[in-house]
Amino acid sequence: MKRTKRLGLLLALACTPARGEAQALWDSTALAALFAGHRPAVQSGGYREDWFQAAQGGVIVGRHVLGHLKVELEATATSGGSQFVSRPITLPGQPYPYWLTSTETTSVRSVGAVAAWQFRDNEWVHPFVLAGVTADFERTVAYTPEQFLNGDPRAGALRQRLSDGRTEETTAVRAGAVIGGGAKLYFREHAFVRSDVRLAVGRDQQNVAFRAGVGLDF
């Protein structure tokens, strides 16, 4: 009987996943992503392209706090993404407004904190979902090229300068909520690849990032 109990105990230990007893507390990931950002509409009836696209890079550090529940801190930055902008201006003696065109190039630096729930231990592959908050620091450089309105020479109208070519820079800070989901795939005992989709939503803000990266747990 004792031998049977010992054999059963050995079989139970042999069938227990090796990683289950040694779930890593920490992990870190280096990310690359395709980022799409949406900026507020132009005031005074102007037009702006809805979305801009940019490359994004960043890092994530996570820690397991309760079983499959993990807290993650992340920091990311994008390259510049461009949008075409057109604004109407009213000119004296003209019956219709003139549309002044410019190009806005926006880059975004973000810091965020999320809670992530993974559906399995760190063994081979597991999906996860996440939710949290983010703060985005948007830097926008608007370039308006030199533009003229050519008057009718038959009426003696002169050529009128509308813009002398200028560059203006603005910075905005936007807070938002974050939701997303993805999966981790282990290719070595402590090394994995990670991919996810992350959506940030707030007042005058909708950003989405399709991210992939490699990481280590420890």
Protein backbone atom coordinates (compact mmCIF):
# COMPACT_ATOMS: atom_id res chain seq x y z
CA MET A 1 0.00 0.00 0.00
CA LYS A 2 2.84 2.38 0.87
CA ARG A 3 4.52 1.66 -2.46
CA THR A 4 1.25 2.39 -4.28
CA LYS A 5 0.89 5.76 -2.49
CA ARG A 6 4.49 6.69 -3.26
CA LEU A 7 4.03 5.76 -6.93
CA GLY A 8 0.85 7.85 -7.12
CA LEU A 9 2.63 10.84 -5.57
CA LEU A 10 5.50 10.57 -8.06
CA LEU A 11 3.06 10.39 -10.98
CA ALA A 12 1.21 13.46 -9.71
CA LEU A 13 4.44 15.43 -9.43
CA ALA A 14 5.52 14.32 -12.88
CA CYS A 15 2.24 15.52 -14.42
CA THR A 16 2.42 18.95 -12.74
CA PRO A 17 3.57 21.71 -15.21
CA ALA A 18 7.15 22.72 -14.48
CA ARG A 19 6.32 26.46 -14.70
CA GLY A 20 3.21 26.24 -12.52
CA GLU A 21 5.17 26.26 -9.27
CA ALA A 22 7.62 28.90 -10.41
CA GLN A 23 5.49 31.55 -12.04
CA ALA A 24 7.80 34.49 -12.78
CA LEU A 25 6.86 37.66 -10.90
CA TRP A 26 8.33 40.19 -13.35
CA ASP A 27 8.60 40.57 -17.11
CA SER A 28 9.78 43.25 -19.50
CA THR A 29 9.08 43.75 -23.21
CA ALA A 30 10.59 45.90 -25.95
CA LEU A 31 7.89 46.93 -28.47
CA ALA A 32 7.55 48.13 -32.04
CA ALA A 33 4.15 49.17 -33.38
CA LEU A 34 2.04 50.72 -36.09
CA PHE A 35 0.26 53.68 -34.48
CA ALA A 36 -2.86 55.47 -35.76
CA GLY A 37 -3.94 58.69 -34.07
CA HIS A 38 -7.07 60.83 -34.33
CA ARG A 39 -6.95 64.55 -33.51
CA PRO A 40 -9.86 66.92 -32.74
CA ALA A 41 -11.74 68.60 -35.58
CA VAL A 42 -10.56 72.01 -36.80
CA GLN A 43 -12.50 74.92 -35.37
CA SER A 44 -14.43 77.44 -37.53
CA GLY A 45 -15.59 74.94 -40.11
CA GLY A 46 -12.15 73.80 -41.23
CA TYR A 47 -11.13 70.36 -42.44
CA ARG A 48 -8.50 67.93 -41.16
CA GLU A 49 -7.81 64.40 -42.35
CA ASP A 50 -9.34 62.03 -39.81
CA TRP A 51 -6.27 59.92 -38.90
CA PHE A 52 -2.50 60.02 -39.06
CA GLN A 53 -0.17 57.02 -39.04
CA ALA A 54 3.27 56.71 -37.45
CA ALA A 55 5.81 54.18 -36.21
CA GLN A 56 5.95 53.58 -32.46
CA GLY A 57 8.50 52.09 -30.06
CA GLY A 58 8.38 51.51 -26.34
CA VAL A 59 8.95 49.36 -23.28
CA ILE A 60 6.62 47.56 -20.87
CA VAL A 61 7.45 46.35 -17.36
CA GLY A 62 4.95 44.06 -15.65
CA ARG A 63 4.55 42.34 -12.30
CA HIS A 64 2.18 39.56 -11.26
CA VAL A 65 0.25 40.54 -8.14
CA LEU A 66 -2.45 37.86 -7.80
CA GLY A 67 -2.05 34.65 -9.76
CA HIS A 68 -2.91 35.59 -13.32
CA LEU A 69 -3.48 39.28 -12.57
CA LYS A 70 -0.60 41.54 -13.57
CA VAL A 71 0.10 45.27 -13.33
CA GLU A 72 2.00 46.83 -16.26
CA LEU A 73 3.72 50.19 -16.67
CA GLU A 74 4.60 51.33 -20.17
CA ALA A 75 6.31 54.21 -21.95
CA THR A 76 6.12 54.75 -25.72
CA ALA A 77 6.98 57.33 -28.36
CA THR A 78 6.02 57.71 -32.01
CA SER A 79 7.59 59.18 -35.10
CA GLY A 80 5.81 62.10 -36.79
CA GLY A 81 2.56 61.44 -38.62
CA SER A 82 1.16 64.00 -41.07
CA GLN A 83 -2.35 65.31 -41.75
CA PHE A 84 -3.59 67.71 -44.41
CA VAL A 85 -5.49 70.68 -42.95
CA SER A 86 -7.58 73.37 -44.62
CA ARG A 87 -9.10 76.44 -42.93
CA PRO A 88 -11.44 79.08 -44.40
CA ILE A 89 -10.46 82.73 -44.12
CA THR A 90 -12.59 85.73 -45.05
CA LEU A 91 -11.06 88.37 -47.34
CA PRO A 92 -12.32 91.95 -47.76
CA GLY A 93 -14.30 92.38 -50.96
CA GLN A 94 -14.49 88.64 -51.66
CA PRO A 95 -17.92 86.97 -51.73
CA TYR A 96 -16.57 83.55 -50.73
CA PRO A 97 -14.00 82.42 -48.15
CA TYR A 98 -10.55 81.35 -49.27
CA TRP A 99 -9.21 78.00 -48.03
CA LEU A 100 -5.75 78.25 -46.51
CA THR A 101 -3.94 74.91 -46.58
CA SER A 102 -1.25 73.53 -44.26
CA THR A 103 0.32 70.29 -43.08
CA GLU A 104 0.38 69.20 -39.45
CA THR A 105 2.94 66.65 -38.24
CA THR A 106 2.14 65.10 -34.86
CA SER A 107 4.27 62.91 -32.58
CA VAL A 108 3.00 61.33 -29.37
CA ARG A 109 4.82 60.31 -26.21
CA SER A 110 2.76 58.27 -23.76
CA VAL A 111 3.00 56.82 -20.27
CA GLY A 112 0.39 54.44 -18.96
CA ALA A 113 -0.58 51.91 -16.30
CA VAL A 114 -2.83 48.91 -16.95
CA ALA A 115 -4.12 45.81 -15.22
CA ALA A 116 -3.75 42.69 -17.39
CA TRP A 117 -5.40 39.31 -16.90
CA GLN A 118 -3.76 36.30 -18.56
CA PHE A 119 -5.71 33.11 -19.04
CA ARG A 120 -2.91 30.59 -18.50
CA ASP A 121 0.44 30.30 -16.74
CA ASN A 122 3.64 31.27 -18.55
CA GLU A 123 3.89 27.99 -20.43
CA TRP A 124 4.06 28.11 -24.20
CA VAL A 125 1.19 30.43 -25.21
CA HIS A 126 -1.55 32.33 -23.45
CA PRO A 127 -3.95 35.21 -24.34
CA PHE A 128 -4.59 38.22 -22.14
CA VAL A 129 -6.82 41.28 -21.87
CA LEU A 130 -5.92 44.64 -20.36
CA ALA A 131 -7.49 47.90 -19.19
CA GLY A 132 -6.06 51.03 -17.61
CA VAL A 133 -5.22 54.70 -18.07
CA THR A 134 -2.79 56.70 -20.19
CA ALA A 135 -1.41 60.22 -20.53
CA ASP A 136 -0.44 61.33 -24.04
CA PHE A 137 1.85 64.26 -24.76
CA GLU A 138 1.18 65.43 -28.32
CA ARG A 139 3.63 67.69 -30.13
CA THR A 140 2.28 69.18 -33.36
CA VAL A 141 4.26 71.16 -35.91
CA ALA A 142 2.02 72.99 -38.41
CA TYR A 143 3.59 74.25 -41.64
CA THR A 144 1.64 76.72 -43.78
CA PRO A 145 3.42 77.40 -47.10
CA GLU A 146 3.48 80.75 -48.83
CA GLN A 147 0.13 81.33 -50.55
CA PHE A 148 -1.31 84.09 -52.74
CA LEU A 149 -4.64 85.12 -54.17
CA ASN A 150 -4.33 86.38 -57.73
CA GLY A 151 -6.78 89.19 -58.43
CA ASP A 152 -8.45 89.90 -61.77
CA PRO A 153 -6.03 92.18 -63.68
CA ARG A 154 -8.89 93.47 -65.83
CA ALA A 155 -10.45 94.94 -62.70
CA GLY A 156 -7.15 96.33 -61.49
CA ALA A 157 -6.98 93.87 -58.59
CA LEU A 158 -3.54 93.20 -57.21
CA ARG A 159 -1.97 89.92 -56.16
CA GLN A 160 -2.68 89.46 -52.45
CA ARG A 161 -0.43 87.56 -50.05
CA LEU A 162 -2.39 85.23 -47.78
CA SER A 163 0.48 83.48 -46.02
CA ASP A 164 4.17 84.28 -45.90
CA GLY A 165 5.18 80.69 -45.06
CA ARG A 166 5.37 79.91 -41.37
CA THR A 167 5.85 77.05 -38.91
CA GLU A 168 4.00 76.87 -35.60
CA GLU A 169 4.48 74.36 -32.80
CA THR A 170 1.94 73.37 -30.13
CA THR A 171 1.87 70.80 -27.33
CA ALA A 172 -1.20 69.18 -25.77
CA VAL A 173 -1.61 66.74 -22.88
CA ARG A 174 -4.51 64.31 -23.10
CA ALA A 175 -5.67 61.71 -20.56
CA GLY A 176 -7.62 58.65 -21.61
CA ALA A 177 -8.75 55.13 -20.81
CA VAL A 178 -7.02 52.11 -22.34
CA ILE A 179 -8.42 48.72 -23.37
CA GLY A 180 -6.79 45.96 -25.36
CA GLY A 181 -5.86 42.33 -25.73
CA GLY A 182 -3.26 40.05 -27.19
CA ALA A 183 -1.15 36.95 -26.59
CA LYS A 184 2.30 35.87 -25.39
CA LEU A 185 4.19 32.98 -26.95
CA TYR A 186 7.20 31.46 -25.19
CA PHE A 187 9.99 30.24 -27.46
CA ARG A 188 12.42 29.61 -24.58
CA GLU A 189 11.93 29.07 -20.85
CA HIS A 190 12.18 32.75 -19.92
CA ALA A 191 11.87 34.42 -23.36
CA PHE A 192 8.71 35.23 -25.28
CA VAL A 193 7.20 37.18 -28.13
CA ARG A 194 4.17 39.35 -27.47
CA SER A 195 1.58 40.92 -29.75
CA ASP A 196 -1.45 43.00 -28.84
CA VAL A 197 -3.87 45.69 -29.93
CA ARG A 198 -4.23 48.74 -27.67
CA LEU A 199 -6.99 51.35 -27.93
CA ALA A 200 -6.89 54.66 -26.02
CA VAL A 201 -10.11 56.67 -25.80
CA GLY A 202 -10.67 60.05 -24.16
CA ARG A 203 -12.06 63.50 -24.78
CA ASP A 204 -11.06 64.46 -28.35
CA GLN A 205 -8.80 61.40 -28.48
CA GLN A 206 -8.85 58.01 -30.17
CA ASN A 207 -5.54 56.24 -30.66
CA VAL A 208 -4.97 52.64 -31.69
CA ALA A 209 -1.69 50.73 -31.85
CA PHE A 210 -0.92 47.32 -33.34
CA ARG A 211 2.10 46.20 -31.32
CA ALA A 212 4.63 43.36 -31.35
CA GLY A 213 7.73 42.78 -29.24
CA VAL A 214 10.10 40.41 -27.49
CA GLY A 215 10.62 40.08 -23.78
CA LEU A 216 12.01 38.23 -20.78
CA ASP A 217 10.49 37.17 -17.48
CA PHE A 218 12.41 36.89 -14.22
